[in-house]
PDB file of N, CA and C in Angstrom:
ATOM      1  N   MET A   1       2.134   0.397   0.149  1.00  0.00           N
ATOM      2  CA  MET A   1       1.166   1.006   1.098  1.00  0.00           C
ATOM      3  C   MET A   1       0.151  -0.041   1.533  1.00  0.00           C
ATOM      4  N   PRO A   2      -0.413   0.130   2.715  1.00  0.00           N
ATOM      5  CA  PRO A   2      -1.392  -0.838   3.224  1.00  0.00           C
ATOM      6  C   PRO A   2      -2.550  -1.061   2.242  1.00  0.00           C
ATOM      7  N   ASP A   3      -2.951  -0.083   1.468  1.00  0.00           N
ATOM      8  CA  ASP A   3      -4.029  -0.253   0.557  1.00  0.00           C
ATOM      9  C   ASP A   3      -3.731  -1.388  -0.462  1.00  0.00           C
ATOM     10  N   ILE A   4      -2.488  -1.557  -0.736  1.00  0.00           N
ATOM     11  CA  ILE A   4      -2.062  -2.590  -1.701  1.00  0.00           C
ATOM     12  C   ILE A   4      -1.778  -3.898  -0.978  1.00  0.00           C
ATOM     13  N   SER A   5      -1.100  -3.823   0.143  1.00  0.00           N
ATOM     14  CA  SER A   5      -0.742  -5.087   0.850  1.00  0.00           C
ATOM     15  C   SER A   5      -1.865  -5.706   1.648  1.00  0.00           C
ATOM     16  N   VAL A   6      -2.833  -4.881   1.961  1.00  0.00           N
ATOM     17  CA  VAL A   6      -4.083  -5.366   2.696  1.00  0.00           C
ATOM     18  C   VAL A   6      -5.265  -4.817   1.901  1.00  0.00           C
ATOM     19  N   PRO A   7      -5.537  -5.410   0.719  1.00  0.00           N
ATOM     20  CA  PRO A   7      -6.462  -4.721  -0.217  1.00  0.00           C
ATOM     21  C   PRO A   7      -7.997  -4.973   0.134  1.00  0.00           C
ATOM     22  N   LEU A   8      -8.796  -3.992  -0.332  1.00  0.00           N
ATOM     23  CA  LEU A   8     -10.221  -4.107  -0.319  1.00  0.00           C
ATOM     24  C   LEU A   8     -10.765  -4.102  -1.744  1.00  0.00           C
ATOM     25  N   ALA A   9      -9.812  -3.958  -2.723  1.00  0.00           N
ATOM     26  CA  ALA A   9     -10.220  -3.850  -4.116  1.00  0.00           C
ATOM     27  C   ALA A   9      -9.008  -4.234  -4.969  1.00  0.00           C
ATOM     28  N   THR A  10      -9.240  -4.370  -6.210  1.00  0.00           N
ATOM     29  CA  THR A  10      -8.165  -4.426  -7.249  1.00  0.00           C
ATOM     30  C   THR A  10      -7.908  -3.007  -7.715  1.00  0.00           C
ATOM     31  N   TYR A  11      -6.671  -2.618  -7.776  1.00  0.00           N
ATOM     32  CA  TYR A  11      -6.276  -1.246  -8.180  1.00  0.00           C
ATOM     33  C   TYR A  11      -5.490  -1.392  -9.493  1.00  0.00           C
ATOM     34  N   THR A  12      -5.806  -0.515 -10.455  1.00  0.00           N
ATOM     35  CA  THR A  12      -5.063  -0.481 -11.667  1.00  0.00           C
ATOM     36  C   THR A  12      -4.477   0.903 -11.850  1.00  0.00           C
ATOM     37  N   GLY A  13      -3.442   0.967 -12.665  1.00  0.00           N
ATOM     38  CA  GLY A  13      -2.801   2.242 -12.989  1.00  0.00           C
ATOM     39  C   GLY A  13      -3.297   2.798 -14.340  1.00  0.00           C
ATOM     40  N   TRP A  14      -4.410   2.262 -14.797  1.00  0.00           N
ATOM     41  CA  TRP A  14      -4.899   2.627 -16.066  1.00  0.00           C
ATOM     42  C   TRP A  14      -6.434   2.482 -16.064  1.00  0.00           C
ATOM     43  N   ASN A  15      -7.119   2.957 -17.069  1.00  0.00           N
ATOM     44  CA  ASN A  15      -8.562   2.883 -17.232  1.00  0.00           C
ATOM     45  C   ASN A  15      -8.775   2.718 -18.763  1.00  0.00           C
ATOM     46  N   GLY A  16      -9.796   1.997 -19.083  1.00  0.00           N
ATOM     47  CA  GLY A  16     -10.209   1.917 -20.472  1.00  0.00           C
ATOM     48  C   GLY A  16     -10.904   3.187 -20.949  1.00  0.00           C
ATOM     49  N   ARG A  17     -10.828   3.463 -22.199  1.00  0.00           N
ATOM     50  CA  ARG A  17     -11.505   4.640 -22.755  1.00  0.00           C
ATOM     51  C   ARG A  17     -12.891   4.271 -23.182  1.00  0.00           C
ATOM     52  N   HIS A  18     -13.857   5.163 -22.885  1.00  0.00           N
ATOM     53  CA  HIS A  18     -15.209   4.983 -23.314  1.00  0.00           C
ATOM     54  C   HIS A  18     -15.264   5.210 -24.855  1.00  0.00           C
ATOM     55  N   PRO A  19     -15.971   4.416 -25.577  1.00  0.00           N
ATOM     56  CA  PRO A  19     -15.992   4.537 -27.043  1.00  0.00           C
ATOM     57  C   PRO A  19     -16.353   5.951 -27.541  1.00  0.00           C
ATOM     58  N   GLU A  20     -17.218   6.684 -26.761  1.00  0.00           N
ATOM     59  CA  GLU A  20     -17.625   7.992 -27.147  1.00  0.00           C
ATOM     60  C   GLU A  20     -16.482   8.990 -27.128  1.00  0.00           C
ATOM     61  N   MET A  21     -15.354   8.634 -26.390  1.00  0.00           N
ATOM     62  CA  MET A  21     -14.200   9.498 -26.317  1.00  0.00           C
ATOM     63  C   MET A  21     -13.314   9.320 -27.568  1.00  0.00           C
ATOM     64  N   GLY A  22     -13.512   8.239 -28.252  1.00  0.00           N
ATOM     65  CA  GLY A  22     -12.607   7.896 -29.341  1.00  0.00           C
ATOM     66  C   GLY A  22     -11.540   6.958 -28.862  1.00  0.00           C
ATOM     67  N   ALA A  23     -10.930   6.308 -29.832  1.00  0.00           N
ATOM     68  CA  ALA A  23      -9.820   5.386 -29.568  1.00  0.00           C
ATOM     69  C   ALA A  23     -10.155   4.377 -28.421  1.00  0.00           C
ATOM     70  N   PRO A  24     -11.267   3.668 -28.527  1.00  0.00           N
ATOM     71  CA  PRO A  24     -11.674   2.762 -27.436  1.00  0.00           C
ATOM     72  C   PRO A  24     -10.697   1.622 -27.189  1.00  0.00           C
ATOM     73  N   ASP A  25      -9.793   1.360 -28.182  1.00  0.00           N
ATOM     74  CA  ASP A  25      -8.829   0.249 -27.973  1.00  0.00           C
ATOM     75  C   ASP A  25      -7.615   0.710 -27.263  1.00  0.00           C
ATOM     76  N   GLN A  26      -7.512   1.962 -26.825  1.00  0.00           N
ATOM     77  CA  GLN A  26      -6.423   2.510 -26.105  1.00  0.00           C
ATOM     78  C   GLN A  26      -6.714   2.697 -24.640  1.00  0.00           C
ATOM     79  N   LEU A  27      -5.714   2.654 -23.779  1.00  0.00           N
ATOM     80  CA  LEU A  27      -5.915   2.874 -22.364  1.00  0.00           C
ATOM     81  C   LEU A  27      -5.636   4.277 -21.965  1.00  0.00           C
ATOM     82  N   MET A  28      -6.239   4.735 -20.855  1.00  0.00           N
ATOM     83  CA  MET A  28      -5.944   6.019 -20.296  1.00  0.00           C
ATOM     84  C   MET A  28      -4.995   5.825 -19.203  1.00  0.00           C
ATOM     85  N   GLY A  29      -3.729   6.071 -19.501  1.00  0.00           N
ATOM     86  CA  GLY A  29      -2.653   5.904 -18.477  1.00  0.00           C
ATOM     87  C   GLY A  29      -2.767   6.976 -17.451  1.00  0.00           C
ATOM     88  N   LEU A  30      -2.250   6.709 -16.267  1.00  0.00           N
ATOM     89  CA  LEU A  30      -2.194   7.577 -15.136  1.00  0.00           C
ATOM     90  C   LEU A  30      -3.563   7.988 -14.609  1.00  0.00           C
ATOM     91  N   MET A  31      -4.600   7.284 -15.023  1.00  0.00           N
ATOM     92  CA  MET A  31      -5.957   7.478 -14.493  1.00  0.00           C
ATOM     93  C   MET A  31      -6.452   6.142 -14.024  1.00  0.00           C
ATOM     94  N   GLY A  32      -6.031   5.757 -12.878  1.00  0.00           N
ATOM     95  CA  GLY A  32      -6.308   4.349 -12.405  1.00  0.00           C
ATOM     96  C   GLY A  32      -7.696   4.118 -12.007  1.00  0.00           C
ATOM     97  N   ALA A  33      -8.027   2.860 -11.782  1.00  0.00           N
ATOM     98  CA  ALA A  33      -9.388   2.414 -11.424  1.00  0.00           C
ATOM     99  C   ALA A  33      -9.256   1.610 -10.147  1.00  0.00           C
ATOM    100  N   THR A  34     -10.428   1.663  -9.364  1.00  0.00           N
ATOM    101  CA  THR A  34     -10.568   0.868  -8.174  1.00  0.00           C
ATOM    102  C   THR A  34     -11.737  -0.029  -8.412  1.00  0.00           C
ATOM    103  N   LEU A  35     -11.503  -1.330  -8.349  1.00  0.00           N
ATOM    104  CA  LEU A  35     -12.535  -2.352  -8.575  1.00  0.00           C
ATOM    105  C   LEU A  35     -12.791  -3.086  -7.228  1.00  0.00           C
ATOM    106  N   PRO A  36     -13.752  -2.596  -6.452  1.00  0.00           N
ATOM    107  CA  PRO A  36     -13.932  -3.180  -5.129  1.00  0.00           C
ATOM    108  C   PRO A  36     -14.277  -4.651  -5.119  1.00  0.00           C
ATOM    109  N   PHE A  37     -13.777  -5.369  -4.054  1.00  0.00           N
ATOM    110  CA  PHE A  37     -14.158  -6.707  -3.895  1.00  0.00           C
ATOM    111  C   PHE A  37     -15.600  -6.754  -3.389  1.00  0.00           C
ATOM    112  N   ALA A  38     -16.315  -7.806  -3.760  1.00  0.00           N
ATOM    113  CA  ALA A  38     -17.682  -7.954  -3.171  1.00  0.00           C
ATOM    114  C   ALA A  38     -17.601  -8.056  -1.669  1.00  0.00           C
ATOM    115  N   PRO A  39     -18.616  -7.640  -0.936  1.00  0.00           N
ATOM    116  CA  PRO A  39     -18.546  -7.679   0.522  1.00  0.00           C
ATOM    117  C   PRO A  39     -18.609  -9.072   1.076  1.00  0.00           C
ATOM    118  N   THR A  40     -19.341  -9.979   0.436  1.00  0.00           N
ATOM    119  CA  THR A  40     -19.540 -11.352   0.968  1.00  0.00           C
ATOM    120  C   THR A  40     -19.299 -12.395  -0.160  1.00  0.00           C
ATOM    121  N   GLN A  41     -19.157 -13.571   0.258  1.00  0.00           N
ATOM    122  CA  GLN A  41     -18.996 -14.658  -0.732  1.00  0.00           C
ATOM    123  C   GLN A  41     -20.271 -14.791  -1.580  1.00  0.00           C
ATOM    124  N   SER A  42     -21.431 -14.690  -0.982  1.00  0.00           N
ATOM    125  CA  SER A  42     -22.627 -14.846  -1.761  1.00  0.00           C
ATOM    126  C   SER A  42     -22.807 -13.727  -2.775  1.00  0.00           C
ATOM    127  N   ALA A  43     -22.443 -12.472  -2.395  1.00  0.00           N
ATOM    128  CA  ALA A  43     -22.517 -11.407  -3.329  1.00  0.00           C
ATOM    129  C   ALA A  43     -21.501 -11.591  -4.484  1.00  0.00           C
ATOM    130  N   ARG A  44     -20.308 -12.093  -4.135  1.00  0.00           N
ATOM    131  CA  ARG A  44     -19.311 -12.400  -5.112  1.00  0.00           C
ATOM    132  C   ARG A  44     -19.809 -13.441  -6.109  1.00  0.00           C
ATOM    133  N   GLU A  45     -20.365 -14.500  -5.596  1.00  0.00           N
ATOM    134  CA  GLU A  45     -20.816 -15.600  -6.450  1.00  0.00           C
ATOM    135  C   GLU A  45     -22.003 -15.136  -7.343  1.00  0.00           C
ATOM    136  N   ALA A  46     -22.810 -14.245  -6.819  1.00  0.00           N
ATOM    137  CA  ALA A  46     -24.003 -13.731  -7.542  1.00  0.00           C
ATOM    138  C   ALA A  46     -23.600 -13.053  -8.867  1.00  0.00           C
ATOM    139  N   VAL A  47     -22.419 -12.427  -8.797  1.00  0.00           N
ATOM    140  CA  VAL A  47     -22.001 -11.643 -10.025  1.00  0.00           C
ATOM    141  C   VAL A  47     -20.861 -12.374 -10.728  1.00  0.00           C
ATOM    142  N   GLY A  48     -20.477 -13.576 -10.277  1.00  0.00           N
ATOM    143  CA  GLY A  48     -19.457 -14.368 -10.953  1.00  0.00           C
ATOM    144  C   GLY A  48     -18.057 -13.816 -10.751  1.00  0.00           C
ATOM    145  N   ASP A  49     -17.818 -13.095  -9.694  1.00  0.00           N
ATOM    146  CA  ASP A  49     -16.489 -12.567  -9.373  1.00  0.00           C
ATOM    147  C   ASP A  49     -15.570 -13.664  -8.815  1.00  0.00           C
ATOM    148  N   LEU A  50     -14.460 -13.928  -9.433  1.00  0.00           N
ATOM    149  CA  LEU A  50     -13.520 -14.941  -8.953  1.00  0.00           C
ATOM    150  C   LEU A  50     -12.665 -14.510  -7.792  1.00  0.00           C
ATOM    151  N   ARG A  51     -12.588 -13.230  -7.611  1.00  0.00           N
ATOM    152  CA  ARG A  51     -11.699 -12.705  -6.487  1.00  0.00           C
ATOM    153  C   ARG A  51     -12.411 -12.918  -5.170  1.00  0.00           C
ATOM    154  N   LEU A  52     -11.672 -13.248  -4.158  1.00  0.00           N
ATOM    155  CA  LEU A  52     -12.235 -13.459  -2.806  1.00  0.00           C
ATOM    156  C   LEU A  52     -12.939 -12.164  -2.356  1.00  0.00           C
ATOM    157  N   SER A  53     -14.025 -12.331  -1.597  1.00  0.00           N
ATOM    158  CA  SER A  53     -14.733 -11.212  -1.048  1.00  0.00           C
ATOM    159  C   SER A  53     -14.014 -10.604   0.124  1.00  0.00           C
ATOM    160  N   ILE A  54     -14.462  -9.469   0.608  1.00  0.00           N
ATOM    161  CA  ILE A  54     -13.878  -8.855   1.764  1.00  0.00           C
ATOM    162  C   ILE A  54     -14.040  -9.769   2.997  1.00  0.00           C
ATOM    163  N   ALA A  55     -15.252 -10.374   3.116  1.00  0.00           N
ATOM    164  CA  ALA A  55     -15.504 -11.232   4.296  1.00  0.00           C
ATOM    165  C   ALA A  55     -14.695 -12.508   4.227  1.00  0.00           C
ATOM    166  N   GLU A  56     -14.333 -12.964   3.011  1.00  0.00           N
ATOM    167  CA  GLU A  56     -13.535 -14.169   2.866  1.00  0.00           C
ATOM    168  C   GLU A  56     -12.048 -13.887   3.188  1.00  0.00           C
ATOM    169  N   ARG A  57     -11.665 -12.633   2.978  1.00  0.00           N
ATOM    170  CA  ARG A  57     -10.234 -12.220   3.215  1.00  0.00           C
ATOM    171  C   ARG A  57     -10.034 -11.878   4.664  1.00  0.00           C
ATOM    172  N   TYR A  58     -10.974 -11.187   5.223  1.00  0.00           N
ATOM    173  CA  TYR A  58     -10.869 -10.663   6.633  1.00  0.00           C
ATOM    174  C   TYR A  58     -12.079 -11.057   7.443  1.00  0.00           C
ATOM    175  N   PRO A  59     -11.902 -11.830   8.434  1.00  0.00           N
ATOM    176  CA  PRO A  59     -13.054 -12.341   9.274  1.00  0.00           C
ATOM    177  C   PRO A  59     -13.800 -11.224   9.977  1.00  0.00           C
ATOM    178  N   SER A  60     -13.139 -10.063  10.168  1.00  0.00           N
ATOM    179  CA  SER A  60     -13.811  -8.969  10.833  1.00  0.00           C
ATOM    180  C   SER A  60     -13.120  -7.646  10.528  1.00  0.00           C
ATOM    181  N   LYS A  61     -13.743  -6.565  10.864  1.00  0.00           N
ATOM    182  CA  LYS A  61     -13.144  -5.273  10.647  1.00  0.00           C
ATOM    183  C   LYS A  61     -11.865  -5.175  11.543  1.00  0.00           C
ATOM    184  N   ALA A  62     -11.970  -5.685  12.757  1.00  0.00           N
ATOM    185  CA  ALA A  62     -10.818  -5.616  13.671  1.00  0.00           C
ATOM    186  C   ALA A  62      -9.605  -6.377  13.087  1.00  0.00           C
ATOM    187  N   ASP A  63      -9.842  -7.528  12.471  1.00  0.00           N
ATOM    188  CA  ASP A  63      -8.773  -8.272  11.821  1.00  0.00           C
ATOM    189  C   ASP A  63      -8.162  -7.438  10.654  1.00  0.00           C
ATOM    190  N   TYR A  64      -9.026  -6.880   9.824  1.00  0.00           N
ATOM    191  CA  TYR A  64      -8.541  -6.051   8.776  1.00  0.00           C
ATOM    192  C   TYR A  64      -7.705  -4.911   9.287  1.00  0.00           C
ATOM    193  N   LEU A  65      -8.202  -4.205  10.294  1.00  0.00           N
ATOM    194  CA  LEU A  65      -7.435  -3.049  10.823  1.00  0.00           C
ATOM    195  C   LEU A  65      -6.122  -3.498  11.520  1.00  0.00           C
ATOM    196  N   ASP A  66      -6.106  -4.650  12.100  1.00  0.00           N
ATOM    197  CA  ASP A  66      -4.906  -5.176  12.675  1.00  0.00           C
ATOM    198  C   ASP A  66      -3.850  -5.456  11.598  1.00  0.00           C
ATOM    199  N   ARG A  67      -4.290  -5.986  10.489  1.00  0.00           N
ATOM    200  CA  ARG A  67      -3.364  -6.177   9.323  1.00  0.00           C
ATOM    201  C   ARG A  67      -2.868  -4.864   8.728  1.00  0.00           C
ATOM    202  N   VAL A  68      -3.781  -3.887   8.653  1.00  0.00           N
ATOM    203  CA  VAL A  68      -3.319  -2.561   8.181  1.00  0.00           C
ATOM    204  C   VAL A  68      -2.301  -1.972   9.137  1.00  0.00           C
ATOM    205  N   THR A  69      -2.577  -2.111  10.434  1.00  0.00           N
ATOM    206  CA  THR A  69      -1.619  -1.582  11.459  1.00  0.00           C
ATOM    207  C   THR A  69      -0.245  -2.261  11.276  1.00  0.00           C
ATOM    208  N   LYS A  70      -0.210  -3.543  11.104  1.00  0.00           N
ATOM    209  CA  LYS A  70       1.036  -4.252  10.962  1.00  0.00           C
ATOM    210  C   LYS A  70       1.771  -3.788   9.663  1.00  0.00           C
ATOM    211  N   ALA A  71       1.020  -3.608   8.593  1.00  0.00           N
ATOM    212  CA  ALA A  71       1.596  -3.156   7.304  1.00  0.00           C
ATOM    213  C   ALA A  71       2.146  -1.703   7.438  1.00  0.00           C
ATOM    214  N   ALA A  72       1.433  -0.893   8.146  1.00  0.00           N
ATOM    215  CA  ALA A  72       1.850   0.503   8.412  1.00  0.00           C
ATOM    216  C   ALA A  72       3.110   0.559   9.266  1.00  0.00           C
ATOM    217  N   GLN A  73       3.141  -0.254  10.274  1.00  0.00           N
ATOM    218  CA  GLN A  73       4.261  -0.288  11.227  1.00  0.00           C
ATOM    219  C   GLN A  73       5.535  -0.805  10.503  1.00  0.00           C
ATOM    220  N   ALA A  74       5.330  -1.777   9.569  1.00  0.00           N
ATOM    221  CA  ALA A  74       6.450  -2.221   8.761  1.00  0.00           C
ATOM    222  C   ALA A  74       6.986  -1.122   7.928  1.00  0.00           C
ATOM    223  N   LEU A  75       6.130  -0.283   7.393  1.00  0.00           N
ATOM    224  CA  LEU A  75       6.612   0.817   6.550  1.00  0.00           C
ATOM    225  C   LEU A  75       7.295   1.874   7.442  1.00  0.00           C
ATOM    226  N   VAL A  76       6.873   2.044   8.665  1.00  0.00           N
ATOM    227  CA  VAL A  76       7.557   2.992   9.600  1.00  0.00           C
ATOM    228  C   VAL A  76       8.952   2.403   9.869  1.00  0.00           C
ATOM    229  N   ALA A  77       9.056   1.119  10.117  1.00  0.00           N
ATOM    230  CA  ALA A  77      10.312   0.473  10.458  1.00  0.00           C
ATOM    231  C   ALA A  77      11.303   0.594   9.307  1.00  0.00           C
ATOM    232  N   GLU A  78      10.743   0.589   8.054  1.00  0.00           N
ATOM    233  CA  GLU A  78      11.594   0.660   6.850  1.00  0.00           C
ATOM    234  C   GLU A  78      11.868   2.136   6.404  1.00  0.00           C
ATOM    235  N   GLY A  79      11.268   3.090   7.120  1.00  0.00           N
ATOM    236  CA  GLY A  79      11.534   4.432   6.852  1.00  0.00           C
ATOM    237  C   GLY A  79      10.658   5.033   5.701  1.00  0.00           C
ATOM    238  N   TYR A  80       9.578   4.336   5.318  1.00  0.00           N
ATOM    239  CA  TYR A  80       8.740   4.886   4.277  1.00  0.00           C
ATOM    240  C   TYR A  80       7.502   5.616   4.759  1.00  0.00           C
ATOM    241  N   LEU A  81       7.210   5.557   6.035  1.00  0.00           N
ATOM    242  CA  LEU A  81       6.067   6.143   6.595  1.00  0.00           C
ATOM    243  C   LEU A  81       6.453   6.726   7.984  1.00  0.00           C
ATOM    244  N   LEU A  82       5.919   7.858   8.352  1.00  0.00           N
ATOM    245  CA  LEU A  82       6.188   8.474   9.621  1.00  0.00           C
ATOM    246  C   LEU A  82       5.244   7.867  10.664  1.00  0.00           C
ATOM    247  N   GLU A  83       5.712   7.632  11.850  1.00  0.00           N
ATOM    248  CA  GLU A  83       4.890   7.128  12.947  1.00  0.00           C
ATOM    249  C   GLU A  83       3.655   7.996  13.084  1.00  0.00           C
ATOM    250  N   ASP A  84       3.826   9.339  13.008  1.00  0.00           N
ATOM    251  CA  ASP A  84       2.708  10.226  13.167  1.00  0.00           C
ATOM    252  C   ASP A  84       1.596  10.041  12.083  1.00  0.00           C
ATOM    253  N   ASP A  85       1.883   9.356  11.018  1.00  0.00           N
ATOM    254  CA  ASP A  85       0.956   9.139   9.923  1.00  0.00           C
ATOM    255  C   ASP A  85       0.176   7.851  10.089  1.00  0.00           C
ATOM    256  N   VAL A  86       0.538   6.968  10.987  1.00  0.00           N
ATOM    257  CA  VAL A  86      -0.085   5.656  11.131  1.00  0.00           C
ATOM    258  C   VAL A  86      -1.548   5.881  11.521  1.00  0.00           C
ATOM    259  N   GLN A  87      -1.864   6.757  12.422  1.00  0.00           N
ATOM    260  CA  GLN A  87      -3.257   6.920  12.824  1.00  0.00           C
ATOM    261  C   GLN A  87      -4.121   7.409  11.652  1.00  0.00           C
ATOM    262  N   THR A  88      -3.638   8.288  10.760  1.00  0.00           N
ATOM    263  CA  THR A  88      -4.349   8.695   9.628  1.00  0.00           C
ATOM    264  C   THR A  88      -4.578   7.512   8.630  1.00  0.00           C
ATOM    265  N   VAL A  89      -3.560   6.657   8.422  1.00  0.00           N
ATOM    266  CA  VAL A  89      -3.707   5.501   7.611  1.00  0.00           C
ATOM    267  C   VAL A  89      -4.842   4.649   8.143  1.00  0.00           C
ATOM    268  N   LEU A  90      -4.859   4.422   9.501  1.00  0.00           N
ATOM    269  CA  LEU A  90      -5.847   3.573  10.099  1.00  0.00           C
ATOM    270  C   LEU A  90      -7.293   4.168   9.941  1.00  0.00           C
ATOM    271  N   GLU A  91      -7.373   5.457  10.152  1.00  0.00           N
ATOM    272  CA  GLU A  91      -8.714   6.137   9.983  1.00  0.00           C
ATOM    273  C   GLU A  91      -9.218   5.982   8.583  1.00  0.00           C
ATOM    274  N   GLN A  92      -8.348   6.204   7.614  1.00  0.00           N
ATOM    275  CA  GLN A  92      -8.756   6.086   6.191  1.00  0.00           C
ATOM    276  C   GLN A  92      -9.106   4.646   5.869  1.00  0.00           C
ATOM    277  N   ALA A  93      -8.316   3.731   6.346  1.00  0.00           N
ATOM    278  CA  ALA A  93      -8.620   2.311   6.133  1.00  0.00           C
ATOM    279  C   ALA A  93      -9.950   1.903   6.747  1.00  0.00           C
ATOM    280  N   SER A  94     -10.219   2.409   7.946  1.00  0.00           N
ATOM    281  CA  SER A  94     -11.481   2.071   8.604  1.00  0.00           C
ATOM    282  C   SER A  94     -12.706   2.631   7.823  1.00  0.00           C
ATOM    283  N   HIS A  95     -12.500   3.837   7.275  1.00  0.00           N
ATOM    284  CA  HIS A  95     -13.576   4.468   6.512  1.00  0.00           C
ATOM    285  C   HIS A  95     -13.787   3.638   5.218  1.00  0.00           C
ATOM    286  N   ARG A  96     -12.742   3.284   4.504  1.00  0.00           N
ATOM    287  CA  ARG A  96     -12.856   2.465   3.290  1.00  0.00           C
ATOM    288  C   ARG A  96     -13.496   1.099   3.536  1.00  0.00           C
ATOM    289  N   TYR A  97     -13.070   0.503   4.671  1.00  0.00           N
ATOM    290  CA  TYR A  97     -13.714  -0.820   5.058  1.00  0.00           C
ATOM    291  C   TYR A  97     -15.192  -0.693   5.173  1.00  0.00           C
ATOM    292  N   ASP A  98     -15.623   0.356   5.948  1.00  0.00           N
ATOM    293  CA  ASP A  98     -17.048   0.586   6.127  1.00  0.00           C
ATOM    294  C   ASP A  98     -17.802   0.801   4.781  1.00  0.00           C
ATOM    295  N   LEU A  99     -17.200   1.623   3.956  1.00  0.00           N
ATOM    296  CA  LEU A  99     -17.772   1.928   2.689  1.00  0.00           C
ATOM    297  C   LEU A  99     -17.843   0.676   1.786  1.00  0.00           C
ATOM    298  N   LEU A 100     -16.735  -0.026   1.604  1.00  0.00           N
ATOM    299  CA  LEU A 100     -16.709  -1.115   0.644  1.00  0.00           C
ATOM    300  C   LEU A 100     -17.239  -2.431   1.126  1.00  0.00           C
ATOM    301  N   SER A 101     -17.298  -2.644   2.464  1.00  0.00           N
ATOM    302  CA  SER A 101     -17.846  -3.888   2.960  1.00  0.00           C
ATOM    303  C   SER A 101     -19.389  -3.862   2.908  1.00  0.00           C
ATOM    304  N   SER A 102     -19.946  -2.759   2.635  1.00  0.00           N
ATOM    305  CA  SER A 102     -21.400  -2.683   2.512  1.00  0.00           C
ATOM    306  C   SER A 102     -21.809  -2.339   1.089  1.00  0.00           C
ATOM    307  N   HIS A 103     -20.930  -2.174   0.183  1.00  0.00           N
ATOM    308  CA  HIS A 103     -21.342  -1.796  -1.200  1.00  0.00           C
ATOM    309  C   HIS A 103     -22.051  -2.984  -1.901  1.00  0.00           C
ATOM    310  N   VAL A 104     -22.864  -2.694  -2.878  1.00  0.00           N
ATOM    311  CA  VAL A 104     -23.517  -3.663  -3.669  1.00  0.00           C
ATOM    312  C   VAL A 104     -22.813  -3.697  -5.015  1.00  0.00           C
ATOM    313  N   PRO A 105     -22.300  -4.905  -5.465  1.00  0.00           N
ATOM    314  CA  PRO A 105     -21.659  -4.922  -6.757  1.00  0.00           C
ATOM    315  C   PRO A 105     -22.575  -4.406  -7.816  1.00  0.00           C
ATOM    316  N   ALA A 106     -21.995  -3.726  -8.829  1.00  0.00           N
ATOM    317  CA  ALA A 106     -22.732  -3.115  -9.893  1.00  0.00           C
ATOM    318  C   ALA A 106     -23.741  -4.007 -10.569  1.00  0.00           C
ATOM    319  N   ALA A 107     -23.347  -5.262 -10.855  1.00  0.00           N
ATOM    320  CA  ALA A 107     -24.269  -6.174 -11.538  1.00  0.00           C
ATOM    321  C   ALA A 107     -25.514  -6.450 -10.701  1.00  0.00           C
ATOM    322  N   GLN A 108     -25.333  -6.447  -9.404  1.00  0.00           N
ATOM    323  CA  GLN A 108     -26.505  -6.669  -8.508  1.00  0.00           C
ATOM    324  C   GLN A 108     -27.359  -5.380  -8.443  1.00  0.00           C
ATOM    325  N   ALA A 109     -26.709  -4.262  -8.426  1.00  0.00           N
ATOM    326  CA  ALA A 109     -27.410  -2.998  -8.232  1.00  0.00           C
ATOM    327  C   ALA A 109     -28.339  -2.731  -9.444  1.00  0.00           C
ATOM    328  N   VAL A 110     -27.983  -3.238 -10.597  1.00  0.00           N
ATOM    329  CA  VAL A 110     -28.794  -3.031 -11.783  1.00  0.00           C
ATOM    330  C   VAL A 110     -29.678  -4.246 -12.085  1.00  0.00           C
ATOM    331  N   GLY A 111     -29.771  -5.155 -11.181  1.00  0.00           N
ATOM    332  CA  GLY A 111     -30.602  -6.332 -11.371  1.00  0.00           C
ATOM    333  C   GLY A 111     -29.983  -7.476 -12.109  1.00  0.00           C
ATOM    334  N   GLY A 112     -28.643  -7.436 -12.245  1.00  0.00           N
ATOM    335  CA  GLY A 112     -27.944  -8.513 -12.922  1.00  0.00           C
ATOM    336  C   GLY A 112     -27.621  -9.563 -12.016  1.00  0.00           C
TER     337      GLY A 112
END
């Protein structure tokens, strides 16, 4: 899916367990996590994130959406996505870009 091939975050298929739940050394399978990329290089460097920021990956929202369009069209060509669903994929990608390209990394939000 375009969320994976044109990412705005790191996605996992698991989550760590909070110690208060018990068994903190075990993972919670089938409950994935989304770890957003920092919006800019300076925000990334401020928190020591080694992953490229959204701005470093995509020079503009238009570039990001163009890549999402190409990824979605490839899925249509391969029979994994319906042409009628491409617009929905683009709308969702646009919303996620707006949300994540303006987010403040957690370490900065708490003064770290």
